PDB file of N, CA and C in Angstrom:
ATOM      1  N   UNK A   1     -31.769 101.848  44.683  1.00  0.00           N
ATOM      2  CA  UNK A   1     -30.785 101.099  43.924  1.00  0.00           C
ATOM      3  C   UNK A   1     -29.800 102.050  43.224  1.00  0.00           C
ATOM      4  N   UNK A   2     -30.332 103.054  42.549  1.00  0.00           N
ATOM      5  CA  UNK A   2     -29.470 103.994  41.841  1.00  0.00           C
ATOM      6  C   UNK A   2     -28.625 104.808  42.818  1.00  0.00           C
ATOM      7  N   UNK A   3     -29.235 105.227  43.936  1.00  0.00           N
ATOM      8  CA  UNK A   3     -28.493 106.002  44.934  1.00  0.00           C
ATOM      9  C   UNK A   3     -27.372 105.176  45.551  1.00  0.00           C
ATOM     10  N   UNK A   4     -27.576 103.899  45.724  1.00  0.00           N
ATOM     11  CA  UNK A   4     -26.542 103.026  46.276  1.00  0.00           C
ATOM     12  C   UNK A   4     -25.334 102.963  45.345  1.00  0.00           C
ATOM     13  N   UNK A   5     -25.580 102.887  44.063  1.00  0.00           N
ATOM     14  CA  UNK A   5     -24.495 102.838  43.081  1.00  0.00           C
ATOM     15  C   UNK A   5     -23.746 104.176  43.048  1.00  0.00           C
ATOM     16  N   UNK A   6     -24.484 105.277  43.079  1.00  0.00           N
ATOM     17  CA  UNK A   6     -23.861 106.601  43.050  1.00  0.00           C
ATOM     18  C   UNK A   6     -23.023 106.834  44.296  1.00  0.00           C
ATOM     19  N   UNK A   7     -23.552 106.512  45.458  1.00  0.00           N
ATOM     20  CA  UNK A   7     -22.808 106.696  46.712  1.00  0.00           C
ATOM     21  C   UNK A   7     -21.586 105.785  46.752  1.00  0.00           C
ATOM     22  N   UNK A   8     -21.736 104.552  46.299  1.00  0.00           N
ATOM     23  CA  UNK A   8     -20.594 103.634  46.249  1.00  0.00           C
ATOM     24  C   UNK A   8     -19.505 104.141  45.324  1.00  0.00           C
ATOM     25  N   UNK A   9     -19.917 104.668  44.167  1.00  0.00           N
ATOM     26  CA  UNK A   9     -18.938 105.216  43.220  1.00  0.00           C
ATOM     27  C   UNK A   9     -18.209 106.414  43.822  1.00  0.00           C
ATOM     28  N   UNK A  10     -18.934 107.298  44.506  1.00  0.00           N
ATOM     29  CA  UNK A  10     -18.296 108.447  45.141  1.00  0.00           C
ATOM     30  C   UNK A  10     -17.312 108.021  46.227  1.00  0.00           C
ATOM     31  N   UNK A  11     -17.657 107.007  46.990  1.00  0.00           N
ATOM     32  CA  UNK A  11     -16.744 106.506  48.024  1.00  0.00           C
ATOM     33  C   UNK A  11     -15.465 105.963  47.393  1.00  0.00           C
ATOM     34  N   UNK A  12     -15.606 105.250  46.289  1.00  0.00           N
ATOM     35  CA  UNK A  12     -14.424 104.707  45.603  1.00  0.00           C
ATOM     36  C   UNK A  12     -13.559 105.834  45.048  1.00  0.00           C
ATOM     37  N   UNK A  13     -14.158 106.842  44.446  1.00  0.00           N
ATOM     38  CA  UNK A  13     -13.399 107.962  43.867  1.00  0.00           C
ATOM     39  C   UNK A  13     -12.673 108.742  44.960  1.00  0.00           C
ATOM     40  N   UNK A  14     -13.369 109.053  46.038  1.00  0.00           N
ATOM     41  CA  UNK A  14     -12.748 109.803  47.136  1.00  0.00           C
ATOM     42  C   UNK A  14     -11.644 108.980  47.796  1.00  0.00           C
ATOM     43  N   UNK A  15     -11.889 107.699  47.997  1.00  0.00           N
ATOM     44  CA  UNK A  15     -10.864 106.826  48.586  1.00  0.00           C
ATOM     45  C   UNK A  15      -9.641 106.704  47.705  1.00  0.00           C
ATOM     46  N   UNK A  16      -9.850 106.619  46.400  1.00  0.00           N
ATOM     47  CA  UNK A  16      -8.727 106.537  45.461  1.00  0.00           C
ATOM     48  C   UNK A  16      -7.910 107.831  45.480  1.00  0.00           C
ATOM     49  N   UNK A  17      -8.595 108.965  45.541  1.00  0.00           N
ATOM     50  CA  UNK A  17      -7.894 110.257  45.575  1.00  0.00           C
ATOM     51  C   UNK A  17      -7.002 110.359  46.809  1.00  0.00           C
ATOM     52  N   UNK A  18      -7.571 110.102  47.986  1.00  0.00           N
ATOM     53  CA  UNK A  18      -6.784 110.226  49.211  1.00  0.00           C
ATOM     54  C   UNK A  18      -5.706 109.143  49.301  1.00  0.00           C
ATOM     55  N   UNK A  19      -5.996 107.946  48.847  1.00  0.00           N
ATOM     56  CA  UNK A  19      -4.998 106.876  48.866  1.00  0.00           C
ATOM     57  C   UNK A  19      -3.815 107.192  47.965  1.00  0.00           C
ATOM     58  N   UNK A  20      -4.101 107.686  46.768  1.00  0.00           N
ATOM     59  CA  UNK A  20      -3.021 108.036  45.840  1.00  0.00           C
ATOM     60  C   UNK A  20      -2.210 109.209  46.374  1.00  0.00           C
ATOM     61  N   UNK A  21      -2.893 110.178  46.975  1.00  0.00           N
ATOM     62  CA  UNK A  21      -2.193 111.338  47.532  1.00  0.00           C
ATOM     63  C   UNK A  21      -1.252 110.914  48.655  1.00  0.00           C
ATOM     64  N   UNK A  22      -1.714 110.040  49.537  1.00  0.00           N
ATOM     65  CA  UNK A  22      -0.875 109.577  50.643  1.00  0.00           C
ATOM     66  C   UNK A  22       0.275 108.719  50.121  1.00  0.00           C
ATOM     67  N   UNK A  23       0.023 107.894  49.114  1.00  0.00           N
ATOM     68  CA  UNK A  23       1.081 107.045  48.566  1.00  0.00           C
ATOM     69  C   UNK A  23       2.160 107.883  47.891  1.00  0.00           C
ATOM     70  N   UNK A  24       1.761 108.905  47.141  1.00  0.00           N
ATOM     71  CA  UNK A  24       2.754 109.752  46.480  1.00  0.00           C
ATOM     72  C   UNK A  24       3.556 110.556  47.490  1.00  0.00           C
ATOM     73  N   UNK A  25       2.899 111.032  48.545  1.00  0.00           N
ATOM     74  CA  UNK A  25       3.634 111.773  49.578  1.00  0.00           C
ATOM     75  C   UNK A  25       4.634 110.872  50.290  1.00  0.00           C
ATOM     76  N   UNK A  26       4.254 109.630  50.551  1.00  0.00           N
ATOM     77  CA  UNK A  26       5.183 108.733  51.237  1.00  0.00           C
ATOM     78  C   UNK A  26       6.329 108.337  50.313  1.00  0.00           C
ATOM     79  N   UNK A  27       6.077 108.262  49.003  1.00  0.00           N
ATOM     80  CA  UNK A  27       7.129 107.892  48.061  1.00  0.00           C
ATOM     81  C   UNK A  27       8.115 109.039  47.874  1.00  0.00           C
ATOM     82  N   UNK A  28       7.618 110.248  47.655  1.00  0.00           N
ATOM     83  CA  UNK A  28       8.500 111.383  47.400  1.00  0.00           C
ATOM     84  C   UNK A  28       8.993 112.034  48.676  1.00  0.00           C
ATOM     85  N   UNK A  29       8.316 111.824  49.784  1.00  0.00           N
ATOM     86  CA  UNK A  29       8.716 112.419  51.047  1.00  0.00           C
ATOM     87  C   UNK A  29       8.088 113.779  51.237  1.00  0.00           C
ATOM     88  N   UNK A  30       8.026 114.202  52.481  1.00  0.00           N
ATOM     89  CA  UNK A  30       7.397 115.490  52.780  1.00  0.00           C
ATOM     90  C   UNK A  30       8.281 116.665  52.374  1.00  0.00           C
ATOM     91  N   UNK A  31       9.565 116.414  52.064  1.00  0.00           N
ATOM     92  CA  UNK A  31      10.453 117.502  51.664  1.00  0.00           C
ATOM     93  C   UNK A  31      10.023 118.130  50.348  1.00  0.00           C
ATOM     94  N   UNK A  32       9.256 117.403  49.546  1.00  0.00           N
ATOM     95  CA  UNK A  32       8.845 117.897  48.239  1.00  0.00           C
ATOM     96  C   UNK A  32       7.466 118.549  48.261  1.00  0.00           C
ATOM     97  N   UNK A  33       6.812 118.625  49.417  1.00  0.00           N
ATOM     98  CA  UNK A  33       5.502 119.245  49.529  1.00  0.00           C
ATOM     99  C   UNK A  33       5.657 120.650  50.112  1.00  0.00           C
ATOM    100  N   UNK A  34       5.179 121.644  49.383  1.00  0.00           N
ATOM    101  CA  UNK A  34       5.238 123.029  49.854  1.00  0.00           C
ATOM    102  C   UNK A  34       4.220 123.201  50.984  1.00  0.00           C
ATOM    103  N   UNK A  35       4.668 123.565  52.200  1.00  0.00           N
ATOM    104  CA  UNK A  35       3.735 123.658  53.327  1.00  0.00           C
ATOM    105  C   UNK A  35       2.695 124.763  53.175  1.00  0.00           C
ATOM    106  N   UNK A  36       2.984 125.796  52.395  1.00  0.00           N
ATOM    107  CA  UNK A  36       2.037 126.897  52.230  1.00  0.00           C
ATOM    108  C   UNK A  36       0.909 126.548  51.267  1.00  0.00           C
ATOM    109  N   UNK A  37       1.256 125.905  50.152  1.00  0.00           N
ATOM    110  CA  UNK A  37       0.242 125.606  49.140  1.00  0.00           C
ATOM    111  C   UNK A  37      -0.202 124.152  49.171  1.00  0.00           C
ATOM    112  N   UNK A  38       0.631 123.255  49.712  1.00  0.00           N
ATOM    113  CA  UNK A  38       0.312 121.838  49.719  1.00  0.00           C
ATOM    114  C   UNK A  38       0.574 121.162  48.383  1.00  0.00           C
ATOM    115  N   UNK A  39       1.247 121.860  47.475  1.00  0.00           N
ATOM    116  CA  UNK A  39       1.525 121.309  46.161  1.00  0.00           C
ATOM    117  C   UNK A  39       2.956 120.786  46.078  1.00  0.00           C
ATOM    118  N   UNK A  40       3.218 119.954  45.089  1.00  0.00           N
ATOM    119  CA  UNK A  40       4.534 119.384  44.855  1.00  0.00           C
ATOM    120  C   UNK A  40       5.500 120.491  44.458  1.00  0.00           C
ATOM    121  N   UNK A  41       6.667 120.532  45.089  1.00  0.00           N
ATOM    122  CA  UNK A  41       7.682 121.539  44.776  1.00  0.00           C
ATOM    123  C   UNK A  41       9.058 120.944  45.031  1.00  0.00           C
ATOM    124  N   UNK A  42       9.998 121.312  44.201  1.00  0.00           N
ATOM    125  CA  UNK A  42      11.364 120.848  44.395  1.00  0.00           C
ATOM    126  C   UNK A  42      12.036 121.684  45.473  1.00  0.00           C
ATOM    127  N   UNK A  43      12.923 121.086  46.269  1.00  0.00           N
ATOM    128  CA  UNK A  43      13.625 121.863  47.295  1.00  0.00           C
ATOM    129  C   UNK A  43      14.594 122.850  46.658  1.00  0.00           C
ATOM    130  N   UNK A  44      14.953 123.873  47.409  1.00  0.00           N
ATOM    131  CA  UNK A  44      15.849 124.914  46.893  1.00  0.00           C
ATOM    132  C   UNK A  44      17.220 124.358  46.530  1.00  0.00           C
ATOM    133  N   UNK A  45      17.661 123.295  47.173  1.00  0.00           N
ATOM    134  CA  UNK A  45      18.990 122.741  46.908  1.00  0.00           C
ATOM    135  C   UNK A  45      19.107 122.201  45.485  1.00  0.00           C
ATOM    136  N   UNK A  46      18.002 121.873  44.848  1.00  0.00           N
ATOM    137  CA  UNK A  46      18.049 121.385  43.473  1.00  0.00           C
ATOM    138  C   UNK A  46      18.465 122.498  42.520  1.00  0.00           C
ATOM    139  N   UNK A  47      18.085 123.727  42.836  1.00  0.00           N
ATOM    140  CA  UNK A  47      18.375 124.859  41.968  1.00  0.00           C
ATOM    141  C   UNK A  47      19.711 125.515  42.282  1.00  0.00           C
ATOM    142  N   UNK A  48      20.438 125.028  43.291  1.00  0.00           N
ATOM    143  CA  UNK A  48      21.715 125.615  43.691  1.00  0.00           C
ATOM    144  C   UNK A  48      22.803 125.122  42.735  1.00  0.00           C
ATOM    145  N   UNK A  49      23.342 126.045  41.920  1.00  0.00           N
ATOM    146  CA  UNK A  49      24.362 125.693  40.938  1.00  0.00           C
ATOM    147  C   UNK A  49      25.770 125.900  41.453  1.00  0.00           C
ATOM    148  N   UNK A  50      25.916 126.404  42.656  1.00  0.00           N
ATOM    149  CA  UNK A  50      27.268 126.656  43.176  1.00  0.00           C
ATOM    150  C   UNK A  50      27.958 125.332  43.472  1.00  0.00           C
ATOM    151  N   UNK A  51      29.267 125.372  43.327  1.00  0.00           N
ATOM    152  CA  UNK A  51      30.072 124.174  43.551  1.00  0.00           C
ATOM    153  C   UNK A  51      30.782 124.316  44.883  1.00  0.00           C
ATOM    154  N   UNK A  52      30.585 123.348  45.738  1.00  0.00           N
ATOM    155  CA  UNK A  52      31.251 123.363  47.037  1.00  0.00           C
ATOM    156  C   UNK A  52      32.589 122.656  46.913  1.00  0.00           C
ATOM    157  N   UNK A  53      33.639 123.279  47.437  1.00  0.00           N
ATOM    158  CA  UNK A  53      34.962 122.684  47.390  1.00  0.00           C
ATOM    159  C   UNK A  53      35.340 122.151  48.752  1.00  0.00           C
ATOM    160  N   UNK A  54      35.895 120.962  48.771  1.00  0.00           N
ATOM    161  CA  UNK A  54      36.381 120.380  50.026  1.00  0.00           C
ATOM    162  C   UNK A  54      37.796 120.903  50.267  1.00  0.00           C
ATOM    163  N   UNK A  55      38.035 121.403  51.471  1.00  0.00           N
ATOM    164  CA  UNK A  55      39.375 121.942  51.779  1.00  0.00           C
ATOM    165  C   UNK A  55      40.019 121.136  52.848  1.00  0.00           C
TER     166      UNK A  55
END
């Protein structure tokens, strides 16, 4: 009985972790995930302060 509750709780926790991770990746897009570390990172274009002029 106790093992059933513990295993069920672990399944819920692991499922919530992976579900939230997939939902956040789909919301923010893969452009914000650093392929080397797998962590959230802003693209380099956000830090580009140069002004482009249309000619």
